[in-house]
Every structure is written in C-alpha cells, then in structure tokens.
PDB file of N, CA and C in Angstrom:
ATOM      1  N   MET A   1      28.267  -1.016  23.519  1.00  0.00           N
ATOM      2  CA  MET A   1      28.191  -0.100  22.386  1.00  0.00           C
ATOM      3  C   MET A   1      27.104   0.941  22.572  1.00  0.00           C
ATOM      4  N   SER A   2      27.540   1.999  22.228  1.00  0.00           N
ATOM      5  CA  SER A   2      26.926   3.187  22.408  1.00  0.00           C
ATOM      6  C   SER A   2      25.800   3.260  21.234  1.00  0.00           C
ATOM      7  N   PRO A   3      24.795   3.934  21.732  1.00  0.00           N
ATOM      8  CA  PRO A   3      23.774   4.232  20.525  1.00  0.00           C
ATOM      9  C   PRO A   3      24.327   4.794  19.195  1.00  0.00           C
ATOM     10  N   ARG A   4      25.228   5.650  19.386  1.00  0.00           N
ATOM     11  CA  ARG A   4      25.843   6.328  18.064  1.00  0.00           C
ATOM     12  C   ARG A   4      26.338   5.435  17.239  1.00  0.00           C
ATOM     13  N   SER A   5      27.540   4.716  17.710  1.00  0.00           N
ATOM     14  CA  SER A   5      28.010   3.634  16.895  1.00  0.00           C
ATOM     15  C   SER A   5      27.114   2.500  16.240  1.00  0.00           C
ATOM     16  N   ASN A   6      25.972   2.393  16.842  1.00  0.00           N
ATOM     17  CA  ASN A   6      25.034   1.554  16.337  1.00  0.00           C
ATOM     18  C   ASN A   6      24.372   2.250  14.839  1.00  0.00           C
ATOM     19  N   MET A   7      24.220   3.390  14.751  1.00  0.00           N
ATOM     20  CA  MET A   7      23.722   4.281  13.731  1.00  0.00           C
ATOM     21  C   MET A   7      24.683   3.798  12.268  1.00  0.00           C
ATOM     22  N   ASN A   8      25.884   3.571  12.579  1.00  0.00           N
ATOM     23  CA  ASN A   8      27.043   3.446  11.457  1.00  0.00           C
ATOM     24  C   ASN A   8      27.232   1.848  11.195  1.00  0.00           C
ATOM     25  N   LYS A   9      26.382   1.032  12.066  1.00  0.00           N
ATOM     26  CA  LYS A   9      26.517  -0.501  11.821  1.00  0.00           C
ATOM     27  C   LYS A   9      25.237  -0.977  11.236  1.00  0.00           C
ATOM     28  N   ARG A  10      25.178  -1.764  10.421  1.00  0.00           N
ATOM     29  CA  ARG A  10      23.843  -2.733  10.220  1.00  0.00           C
ATOM     30  C   ARG A  10      23.681  -3.687  11.220  1.00  0.00           C
ATOM     31  N   LEU A  11      22.722  -3.600  12.044  1.00  0.00           N
ATOM     32  CA  LEU A  11      22.244  -4.500  13.064  1.00  0.00           C
ATOM     33  C   LEU A  11      21.457  -5.627  12.286  1.00  0.00           C
ATOM     34  N   SER A  12      21.775  -6.895  12.914  1.00  0.00           N
ATOM     35  CA  SER A  12      21.046  -8.060  12.691  1.00  0.00           C
ATOM     36  C   SER A  12      19.566  -8.043  13.474  1.00  0.00           C
ATOM     37  N   GLU A  13      18.699  -8.691  13.003  1.00  0.00           N
ATOM     38  CA  GLU A  13      17.331  -8.664  13.615  1.00  0.00           C
ATOM     39  C   GLU A  13      17.513  -9.170  15.222  1.00  0.00           C
ATOM     40  N   SER A  14      18.439 -10.018  15.478  1.00  0.00           N
ATOM     41  CA  SER A  14      18.560 -10.691  16.959  1.00  0.00           C
ATOM     42  C   SER A  14      19.391  -9.289  17.543  1.00  0.00           C
ATOM     43  N   GLU A  15      20.035  -8.731  17.054  1.00  0.00           N
ATOM     44  CA  GLU A  15      20.800  -7.645  17.805  1.00  0.00           C
ATOM     45  C   GLU A  15      19.642  -6.383  18.037  1.00  0.00           C
ATOM     46  N   ILE A  16      19.088  -6.182  16.989  1.00  0.00           N
ATOM     47  CA  ILE A  16      18.042  -5.278  17.234  1.00  0.00           C
ATOM     48  C   ILE A  16      16.968  -5.435  18.198  1.00  0.00           C
ATOM     49  N   ASP A  17      16.498  -6.817  18.302  1.00  0.00           N
ATOM     50  CA  ASP A  17      15.791  -7.229  19.437  1.00  0.00           C
ATOM     51  C   ASP A  17      16.336  -7.281  20.781  1.00  0.00           C
ATOM     52  N   GLN A  18      17.767  -7.549  21.002  1.00  0.00           N
ATOM     53  CA  GLN A  18      18.358  -7.243  22.083  1.00  0.00           C
ATOM     54  C   GLN A  18      18.518  -5.835  22.427  1.00  0.00           C
ATOM     55  N   LEU A  19      18.685  -5.082  21.580  1.00  0.00           N
ATOM     56  CA  LEU A  19      18.644  -3.352  22.036  1.00  0.00           C
ATOM     57  C   LEU A  19      17.282  -2.986  22.111  1.00  0.00           C
ATOM     58  N   VAL A  20      16.379  -3.496  21.826  1.00  0.00           N
ATOM     59  CA  VAL A  20      14.767  -2.990  22.124  1.00  0.00           C
ATOM     60  C   VAL A  20      14.493  -3.799  23.200  1.00  0.00           C
ATOM     61  N   ILE A  21      15.013  -4.824  23.700  1.00  0.00           N
ATOM     62  CA  ILE A  21      14.443  -5.601  25.209  1.00  0.00           C
ATOM     63  C   ILE A  21      15.200  -4.849  26.399  1.00  0.00           C
ATOM     64  N   ALA A  22      16.695  -4.292  25.696  1.00  0.00           N
ATOM     65  CA  ALA A  22      17.538  -3.707  26.963  1.00  0.00           C
ATOM     66  C   ALA A  22      16.716  -2.236  27.163  1.00  0.00           C
ATOM     67  N   GLN A  23      16.092  -1.732  26.299  1.00  0.00           N
ATOM     68  CA  GLN A  23      15.859  -0.424  26.382  1.00  0.00           C
ATOM     69  C   GLN A  23      14.280  -0.290  26.853  1.00  0.00           C
ATOM     70  N   THR A  24      13.434  -1.395  27.211  1.00  0.00           N
ATOM     71  CA  THR A  24      12.142  -1.336  27.470  1.00  0.00           C
ATOM     72  C   THR A  24      11.802  -0.587  28.548  1.00  0.00           C
ATOM     73  N   GLU A  25      12.600  -0.582  29.729  1.00  0.00           N
ATOM     74  CA  GLU A  25      12.294   0.321  30.961  1.00  0.00           C
ATOM     75  C   GLU A  25      12.781   1.579  31.001  1.00  0.00           C
ATOM     76  N   ASP A  26      13.428   1.944  30.017  1.00  0.00           N
ATOM     77  CA  ASP A  26      13.992   3.319  29.972  1.00  0.00           C
ATOM     78  C   ASP A  26      13.280   4.184  29.022  1.00  0.00           C
ATOM     79  N   ASP A  27      12.455   4.952  29.497  1.00  0.00           N
ATOM     80  CA  ASP A  27      11.628   5.882  28.816  1.00  0.00           C
ATOM     81  C   ASP A  27      12.237   6.948  28.107  1.00  0.00           C
ATOM     82  N   THR A  28      13.596   7.328  28.360  1.00  0.00           N
ATOM     83  CA  THR A  28      14.175   8.169  27.721  1.00  0.00           C
ATOM     84  C   THR A  28      14.661   7.696  26.307  1.00  0.00           C
ATOM     85  N   ALA A  29      14.901   6.446  26.320  1.00  0.00           N
ATOM     86  CA  ALA A  29      15.023   5.966  25.255  1.00  0.00           C
ATOM     87  C   ALA A  29      14.023   5.838  23.695  1.00  0.00           C
ATOM     88  N   TRP A  30      12.800   6.156  24.056  1.00  0.00           N
ATOM     89  CA  TRP A  30      11.876   5.981  23.373  1.00  0.00           C
ATOM     90  C   TRP A  30      11.155   7.477  22.845  1.00  0.00           C
ATOM     91  N   GLU A  31      10.773   7.558  21.467  1.00  0.00           N
ATOM     92  CA  GLU A  31      10.101   8.835  21.107  1.00  0.00           C
ATOM     93  C   GLU A  31       8.754   8.668  21.567  1.00  0.00           C
ATOM     94  N   PRO A  32       8.221   9.995  21.449  1.00  0.00           N
ATOM     95  CA  PRO A  32       6.550  10.001  21.897  1.00  0.00           C
ATOM     96  C   PRO A  32       5.897   9.217  20.698  1.00  0.00           C
ATOM     97  N   PRO A  33       4.776   8.438  21.418  1.00  0.00           N
ATOM     98  CA  PRO A  33       3.920   7.659  20.445  1.00  0.00           C
ATOM     99  C   PRO A  33       3.402   8.504  19.201  1.00  0.00           C
ATOM    100  N   VAL A  34       3.400   7.783  17.982  1.00  0.00           N
ATOM    101  CA  VAL A  34       2.726   8.300  16.971  1.00  0.00           C
ATOM    102  C   VAL A  34       1.342   8.142  16.519  1.00  0.00           C
ATOM    103  N   ARG A  35       0.567   9.248  16.416  1.00  0.00           N
ATOM    104  CA  ARG A  35      -0.727   8.827  16.224  1.00  0.00           C
ATOM    105  C   ARG A  35      -1.038   8.889  14.680  1.00  0.00           C
ATOM    106  N   VAL A  36      -1.772   7.820  14.408  1.00  0.00           N
ATOM    107  CA  VAL A  36      -2.044   7.768  12.841  1.00  0.00           C
ATOM    108  C   VAL A  36      -3.581   7.736  12.620  1.00  0.00           C
ATOM    109  N   GLN A  37      -4.305   8.287  11.910  1.00  0.00           N
ATOM    110  CA  GLN A  37      -5.581   8.335  11.591  1.00  0.00           C
ATOM    111  C   GLN A  37      -5.661   7.686  10.217  1.00  0.00           C
ATOM    112  N   ARG A  38      -7.063   6.911  10.192  1.00  0.00           N
ATOM    113  CA  ARG A  38      -7.226   6.227   9.035  1.00  0.00           C
ATOM    114  C   ARG A  38      -7.832   7.516   7.916  1.00  0.00           C
ATOM    115  N   ALA A  39      -7.141   7.284   6.360  1.00  0.00           N
ATOM    116  CA  ALA A  39      -7.620   8.096   5.737  1.00  0.00           C
ATOM    117  C   ALA A  39      -9.231   7.914   5.344  1.00  0.00           C
ATOM    118  N   ALA A  40     -10.063   9.026   5.187  1.00  0.00           N
ATOM    119  CA  ALA A  40     -11.343   8.886   4.857  1.00  0.00           C
ATOM    120  C   ALA A  40     -11.461   8.031   3.370  1.00  0.00           C
ATOM    121  N   LEU A  41     -12.507   7.065   3.468  1.00  0.00           N
ATOM    122  CA  LEU A  41     -12.754   6.423   2.323  1.00  0.00           C
ATOM    123  C   LEU A  41     -13.112   7.459   1.043  1.00  0.00           C
ATOM    124  N   ALA A  42     -12.857   7.060   0.030  1.00  0.00           N
ATOM    125  CA  ALA A  42     -13.313   7.848  -1.137  1.00  0.00           C
ATOM    126  C   ALA A  42     -14.832   7.389  -1.630  1.00  0.00           C
ATOM    127  N   THR A  43     -15.351   8.161  -1.995  1.00  0.00           N
ATOM    128  CA  THR A  43     -16.863   7.716  -2.649  1.00  0.00           C
ATOM    129  C   THR A  43     -16.740   8.170  -4.092  1.00  0.00           C
ATOM    130  N   LEU A  44     -17.668   7.439  -4.734  1.00  0.00           N
ATOM    131  CA  LEU A  44     -17.827   7.290  -6.157  1.00  0.00           C
ATOM    132  C   LEU A  44     -19.118   7.365  -6.534  1.00  0.00           C
ATOM    133  N   ALA A  45     -19.717   8.200  -7.150  1.00  0.00           N
ATOM    134  CA  ALA A  45     -21.128   8.295  -7.446  1.00  0.00           C
ATOM    135  C   ALA A  45     -21.170   7.458  -8.800  1.00  0.00           C
ATOM    136  N   LEU A  46     -22.168   6.655  -8.919  1.00  0.00           N
ATOM    137  CA  LEU A  46     -22.536   5.763 -10.142  1.00  0.00           C
ATOM    138  C   LEU A  46     -23.920   6.024 -10.698  1.00  0.00           C
ATOM    139  N   PRO A  47     -23.968   6.179 -11.815  1.00  0.00           N
ATOM    140  CA  PRO A  47     -25.623   6.265 -12.423  1.00  0.00           C
ATOM    141  C   PRO A  47     -26.136   4.956 -11.889  1.00  0.00           C
ATOM    142  N   ALA A  48     -27.292   4.880 -11.559  1.00  0.00           N
ATOM    143  CA  ALA A  48     -28.270   3.633 -11.009  1.00  0.00           C
ATOM    144  C   ALA A  48     -28.127   2.406 -11.854  1.00  0.00           C
ATOM    145  N   GLU A  49     -28.170   2.723 -13.469  1.00  0.00           N
ATOM    146  CA  GLU A  49     -28.089   1.334 -14.165  1.00  0.00           C
ATOM    147  C   GLU A  49     -26.436   0.575 -14.283  1.00  0.00           C
ATOM    148  N   LEU A  50     -25.474   1.690 -14.151  1.00  0.00           N
ATOM    149  CA  LEU A  50     -24.174   1.086 -14.235  1.00  0.00           C
ATOM    150  C   LEU A  50     -24.113   0.276 -12.534  1.00  0.00           C
ATOM    151  N   ALA A  51     -24.612   0.997 -11.636  1.00  0.00           N
ATOM    152  CA  ALA A  51     -24.606   0.322 -10.246  1.00  0.00           C
ATOM    153  C   ALA A  51     -24.889  -1.208 -10.424  1.00  0.00           C
ATOM    154  N   ALA A  52     -26.361  -1.064 -10.902  1.00  0.00           N
ATOM    155  CA  ALA A  52     -27.099  -2.374 -11.200  1.00  0.00           C
ATOM    156  C   ALA A  52     -26.337  -3.345 -11.992  1.00  0.00           C
ATOM    157  N   ARG A  53     -25.994  -2.880 -13.146  1.00  0.00           N
ATOM    158  CA  ARG A  53     -24.706  -3.900 -13.652  1.00  0.00           C
ATOM    159  C   ARG A  53     -23.265  -4.328 -12.978  1.00  0.00           C
ATOM    160  N   ALA A  54     -22.959  -3.594 -12.331  1.00  0.00           N
ATOM    161  CA  ALA A  54     -21.507  -4.020 -11.657  1.00  0.00           C
ATOM    162  C   ALA A  54     -22.415  -4.941 -10.323  1.00  0.00           C
ATOM    163  N   ALA A  55     -23.470  -4.665  -9.782  1.00  0.00           N
ATOM    164  CA  ALA A  55     -23.953  -5.830  -8.735  1.00  0.00           C
ATOM    165  C   ALA A  55     -24.262  -6.976  -9.511  1.00  0.00           C
ATOM    166  N   PHE A  56     -24.667  -7.059 -10.613  1.00  0.00           N
ATOM    167  CA  PHE A  56     -24.902  -8.267 -11.355  1.00  0.00           C
ATOM    168  C   PHE A  56     -23.610  -9.150 -11.346  1.00  0.00           C
ATOM    169  N   LEU A  57     -22.769  -8.276 -11.908  1.00  0.00           N
ATOM    170  CA  LEU A  57     -21.479  -9.101 -12.215  1.00  0.00           C
ATOM    171  C   LEU A  57     -20.655  -9.374 -10.923  1.00  0.00           C
ATOM    172  N   ALA A  58     -20.948  -8.579 -10.064  1.00  0.00           N
ATOM    173  CA  ALA A  58     -20.273  -9.068  -8.556  1.00  0.00           C
ATOM    174  C   ALA A  58     -20.812 -10.473  -7.961  1.00  0.00           C
ATOM    175  N   GLN A  59     -22.137 -10.549  -8.150  1.00  0.00           N
ATOM    176  CA  GLN A  59     -22.741 -11.780  -7.976  1.00  0.00           C
ATOM    177  C   GLN A  59     -22.383 -12.787  -8.969  1.00  0.00           C
ATOM    178  N   LEU A  60     -22.161 -12.539 -10.053  1.00  0.00           N
ATOM    179  CA  LEU A  60     -21.850 -13.529 -11.018  1.00  0.00           C
ATOM    180  C   LEU A  60     -20.312 -14.121 -10.658  1.00  0.00           C
ATOM    181  N   HIS A  61     -19.528 -13.265 -10.325  1.00  0.00           N
ATOM    182  CA  HIS A  61     -18.065 -13.413  -9.931  1.00  0.00           C
ATOM    183  C   HIS A  61     -18.037 -13.958  -8.388  1.00  0.00           C
ATOM    184  N   ARG A  62     -19.198 -14.189  -7.645  1.00  0.00           N
ATOM    185  CA  ARG A  62     -19.336 -14.634  -6.252  1.00  0.00           C
ATOM    186  C   ARG A  62     -18.437 -13.636  -5.506  1.00  0.00           C
ATOM    187  N   THR A  63     -18.370 -12.557  -5.569  1.00  0.00           N
ATOM    188  CA  THR A  63     -17.564 -11.612  -4.655  1.00  0.00           C
ATOM    189  C   THR A  63     -18.543 -11.163  -3.585  1.00  0.00           C
ATOM    190  N   ALA A  64     -17.771 -11.105  -2.476  1.00  0.00           N
ATOM    191  CA  ALA A  64     -18.664 -10.681  -1.247  1.00  0.00           C
ATOM    192  C   ALA A  64     -19.252  -9.440  -1.173  1.00  0.00           C
ATOM    193  N   SER A  65     -18.917  -8.708  -2.033  1.00  0.00           N
ATOM    194  CA  SER A  65     -19.750  -7.273  -2.201  1.00  0.00           C
ATOM    195  C   SER A  65     -19.408  -6.605  -3.344  1.00  0.00           C
ATOM    196  N   VAL A  66     -20.276  -5.682  -3.612  1.00  0.00           N
ATOM    197  CA  VAL A  66     -20.226  -4.720  -5.006  1.00  0.00           C
ATOM    198  C   VAL A  66     -18.593  -3.961  -4.780  1.00  0.00           C
ATOM    199  N   GLU A  67     -18.565  -3.461  -3.571  1.00  0.00           N
ATOM    200  CA  GLU A  67     -17.412  -2.611  -3.331  1.00  0.00           C
ATOM    201  C   GLU A  67     -16.195  -3.317  -3.512  1.00  0.00           C
ATOM    202  N   ASP A  68     -15.997  -4.695  -3.000  1.00  0.00           N
ATOM    203  CA  ASP A  68     -14.812  -5.663  -3.163  1.00  0.00           C
ATOM    204  C   ASP A  68     -14.760  -5.785  -4.701  1.00  0.00           C
ATOM    205  N   TRP A  69     -15.641  -5.816  -5.450  1.00  0.00           N
ATOM    206  CA  TRP A  69     -15.652  -6.538  -6.662  1.00  0.00           C
ATOM    207  C   TRP A  69     -15.075  -5.179  -7.647  1.00  0.00           C
ATOM    208  N   LEU A  70     -15.740  -3.955  -7.317  1.00  0.00           N
ATOM    209  CA  LEU A  70     -15.402  -2.826  -8.126  1.00  0.00           C
ATOM    210  C   LEU A  70     -13.796  -2.330  -7.720  1.00  0.00           C
ATOM    211  N   ARG A  71     -13.512  -2.714  -6.289  1.00  0.00           N
ATOM    212  CA  ARG A  71     -12.015  -2.304  -5.937  1.00  0.00           C
ATOM    213  C   ARG A  71     -11.166  -3.177  -6.767  1.00  0.00           C
ATOM    214  N   ARG A  72     -11.437  -4.369  -6.927  1.00  0.00           N
ATOM    215  CA  ARG A  72     -10.518  -5.280  -7.704  1.00  0.00           C
ATOM    216  C   ARG A  72     -10.617  -5.144  -9.126  1.00  0.00           C
ATOM    217  N   VAL A  73     -11.485  -4.646  -9.910  1.00  0.00           N
ATOM    218  CA  VAL A  73     -11.650  -4.267 -11.241  1.00  0.00           C
ATOM    219  C   VAL A  73     -10.968  -3.150 -11.467  1.00  0.00           C
ATOM    220  N   ILE A  74     -11.093  -1.948 -10.651  1.00  0.00           N
ATOM    221  CA  ILE A  74     -10.543  -0.928 -10.397  1.00  0.00           C
ATOM    222  C   ILE A  74      -8.985  -0.974 -10.585  1.00  0.00           C
ATOM    223  N   GLN A  75      -8.571  -1.601  -9.473  1.00  0.00           N
ATOM    224  CA  GLN A  75      -7.198  -2.100  -9.270  1.00  0.00           C
ATOM    225  C   GLN A  75      -6.410  -2.804 -10.509  1.00  0.00           C
ATOM    226  N   GLU A  76      -7.161  -3.696 -11.150  1.00  0.00           N
ATOM    227  CA  GLU A  76      -6.706  -4.198 -12.492  1.00  0.00           C
ATOM    228  C   GLU A  76      -6.455  -3.727 -13.473  1.00  0.00           C
ATOM    229  N   ARG A  77      -7.613  -2.708 -13.547  1.00  0.00           N
ATOM    230  CA  ARG A  77      -7.404  -1.803 -14.864  1.00  0.00           C
ATOM    231  C   ARG A  77      -6.367  -0.571 -14.592  1.00  0.00           C
ATOM    232  N   VAL A  78      -6.150  -0.215 -13.246  1.00  0.00           N
ATOM    233  CA  VAL A  78      -5.068   0.757 -13.255  1.00  0.00           C
ATOM    234  C   VAL A  78      -3.708  -0.153 -13.328  1.00  0.00           C
ATOM    235  N   GLU A  79      -3.355  -1.228 -12.962  1.00  0.00           N
ATOM    236  CA  GLU A  79      -2.219  -1.883 -13.262  1.00  0.00           C
ATOM    237  C   GLU A  79      -2.161  -2.240 -14.748  1.00  0.00           C
ATOM    238  N   LEU A  80      -3.155  -2.323 -15.518  1.00  0.00           N
ATOM    239  CA  LEU A  80      -3.089  -2.592 -16.892  1.00  0.00           C
ATOM    240  C   LEU A  80      -2.803  -1.261 -17.547  1.00  0.00           C
ATOM    241  N   GLU A  81      -3.445  -0.232 -17.270  1.00  0.00           N
ATOM    242  CA  GLU A  81      -3.001   1.196 -17.814  1.00  0.00           C
ATOM    243  C   GLU A  81      -1.607   1.552 -17.667  1.00  0.00           C
ATOM    244  N   GLU A  82      -0.949   1.275 -16.367  1.00  0.00           N
ATOM    245  CA  GLU A  82       0.257   1.568 -15.733  1.00  0.00           C
ATOM    246  C   GLU A  82       1.310   0.962 -16.771  1.00  0.00           C
ATOM    247  N   ALA A  83       1.032  -0.365 -16.917  1.00  0.00           N
ATOM    248  CA  ALA A  83       1.896  -1.264 -17.755  1.00  0.00           C
ATOM    249  C   ALA A  83       1.712  -0.688 -19.185  1.00  0.00           C
ATOM    250  N   ALA A  84       0.697  -0.352 -19.666  1.00  0.00           N
ATOM    251  CA  ALA A  84       0.776   0.004 -20.977  1.00  0.00           C
ATOM    252  C   ALA A  84       1.336   1.469 -21.485  1.00  0.00           C
ATOM    253  N   PHE A  85       1.192   2.319 -20.220  1.00  0.00           N
ATOM    254  CA  PHE A  85       1.939   3.799 -20.241  1.00  0.00           C
ATOM    255  C   PHE A  85       3.539   3.388 -20.256  1.00  0.00           C
ATOM    256  N   VAL A  86       3.958   2.421 -19.572  1.00  0.00           N
ATOM    257  CA  VAL A  86       5.306   2.091 -19.173  1.00  0.00           C
ATOM    258  C   VAL A  86       5.836   1.574 -20.643  1.00  0.00           C
ATOM    259  N   GLY A  87       5.021   0.685 -21.200  1.00  0.00           N
ATOM    260  CA  GLY A  87       5.603   0.189 -22.467  1.00  0.00           C
ATOM    261  C   GLY A  87       5.585   1.198 -23.303  1.00  0.00           C
ATOM    262  N   ILE A  88       4.538   1.985 -23.551  1.00  0.00           N
ATOM    263  CA  ILE A  88       4.711   3.209 -24.674  1.00  0.00           C
ATOM    264  C   ILE A  88       5.749   4.069 -24.470  1.00  0.00           C
ATOM    265  N   LYS A  89       6.190   4.463 -23.090  1.00  0.00           N
ATOM    266  CA  LYS A  89       7.315   5.279 -22.676  1.00  0.00           C
ATOM    267  C   LYS A  89       8.574   4.593 -23.307  1.00  0.00           C
ATOM    268  N   ARG A  90       8.693   3.293 -23.056  1.00  0.00           N
ATOM    269  CA  ARG A  90       9.981   2.540 -23.384  1.00  0.00           C
ATOM    270  C   ARG A  90       9.948   2.612 -24.757  1.00  0.00           C
ATOM    271  N   SER A  91       8.890   2.368 -25.599  1.00  0.00           N
ATOM    272  CA  SER A  91       9.219   2.479 -26.961  1.00  0.00           C
ATOM    273  C   SER A  91       9.523   3.585 -27.527  1.00  0.00           C
ATOM    274  N   LEU A  92       8.706   4.677 -27.005  1.00  0.00           N
ATOM    275  CA  LEU A  92       9.259   5.945 -27.398  1.00  0.00           C
ATOM    276  C   LEU A  92      10.524   6.402 -27.104  1.00  0.00           C
ATOM    277  N   ALA A  93      11.152   5.915 -26.129  1.00  0.00           N
ATOM    278  CA  ALA A  93      12.627   6.120 -25.799  1.00  0.00           C
ATOM    279  C   ALA A  93      13.452   5.505 -26.861  1.00  0.00           C
ATOM    280  N   THR A  94      13.142   4.232 -27.103  1.00  0.00           N
ATOM    281  CA  THR A  94      13.940   3.472 -28.076  1.00  0.00           C
ATOM    282  C   THR A  94      13.876   4.078 -29.372  1.00  0.00           C
ATOM    283  N   GLN A  95      12.621   4.879 -29.825  1.00  0.00           N
ATOM    284  CA  GLN A  95      12.630   5.212 -30.997  1.00  0.00           C
ATOM    285  C   GLN A  95      13.370   6.619 -31.223  1.00  0.00           C
ATOM    286  N   ALA A  96      13.562   7.160 -30.029  1.00  0.00           N
ATOM    287  CA  ALA A  96      14.443   8.444 -30.200  1.00  0.00           C
ATOM    288  C   ALA A  96      15.876   8.292 -30.160  1.00  0.00           C
ATOM    289  N   THR A  97      16.115   7.212 -29.790  1.00  0.00           N
ATOM    290  CA  THR A  97      17.870   6.999 -29.858  1.00  0.00           C
ATOM    291  C   THR A  97      18.284   6.328 -31.079  1.00  0.00           C
TER     292      THR A  97
END
C-alpha cells in the first residue's frame, strides 16, 4: 500500500505501528526532528502580607509548596469564572430569543 493511499484511509493503531516499524531504517520516511523549548515560567509579585497568608493556607492544606497551592487555587478560580461566564452568556442568549 503506498503512503499516498494511507492518507485517505483511517489506520488502526496496529496498522500505524506496522507502518512505523517498516520505516524505522528508512531515513527518507522521516521528517527532521522537532525541537521544543519549555515556556518560561510566569512570575507573580505578591505583597509580603498576602504571601504570608498564602503560605499559612498552603501549610493548612498540607500542600507540598505555596506554588502548588497557588496554582491549584488559581486554576479552580479560573474554571469557576469560565463557568460563570458561559452561564451568563447562555442566559443572555435565551433572553434575546
């Protein structure tokens, strides 16, 4: 089966595995390697009092680090805000009809 005809047909995982194994020694079958760099971490400045309160709450929740606790809190808050936004948007759309 030619590579061109494979594009039009959905391959199963075992068929993909067989194709990859068959092409392992053929350097022309592979694209050049992709280089990926990790994105720089974002920094966030907090007032000392707020940082101390966050550290206390991270210990209270037995989180490994303040950074982990803050990441979890921010993620939960973002998900909550997104859900609220979708709910408001949906209610405005139903009111408009």
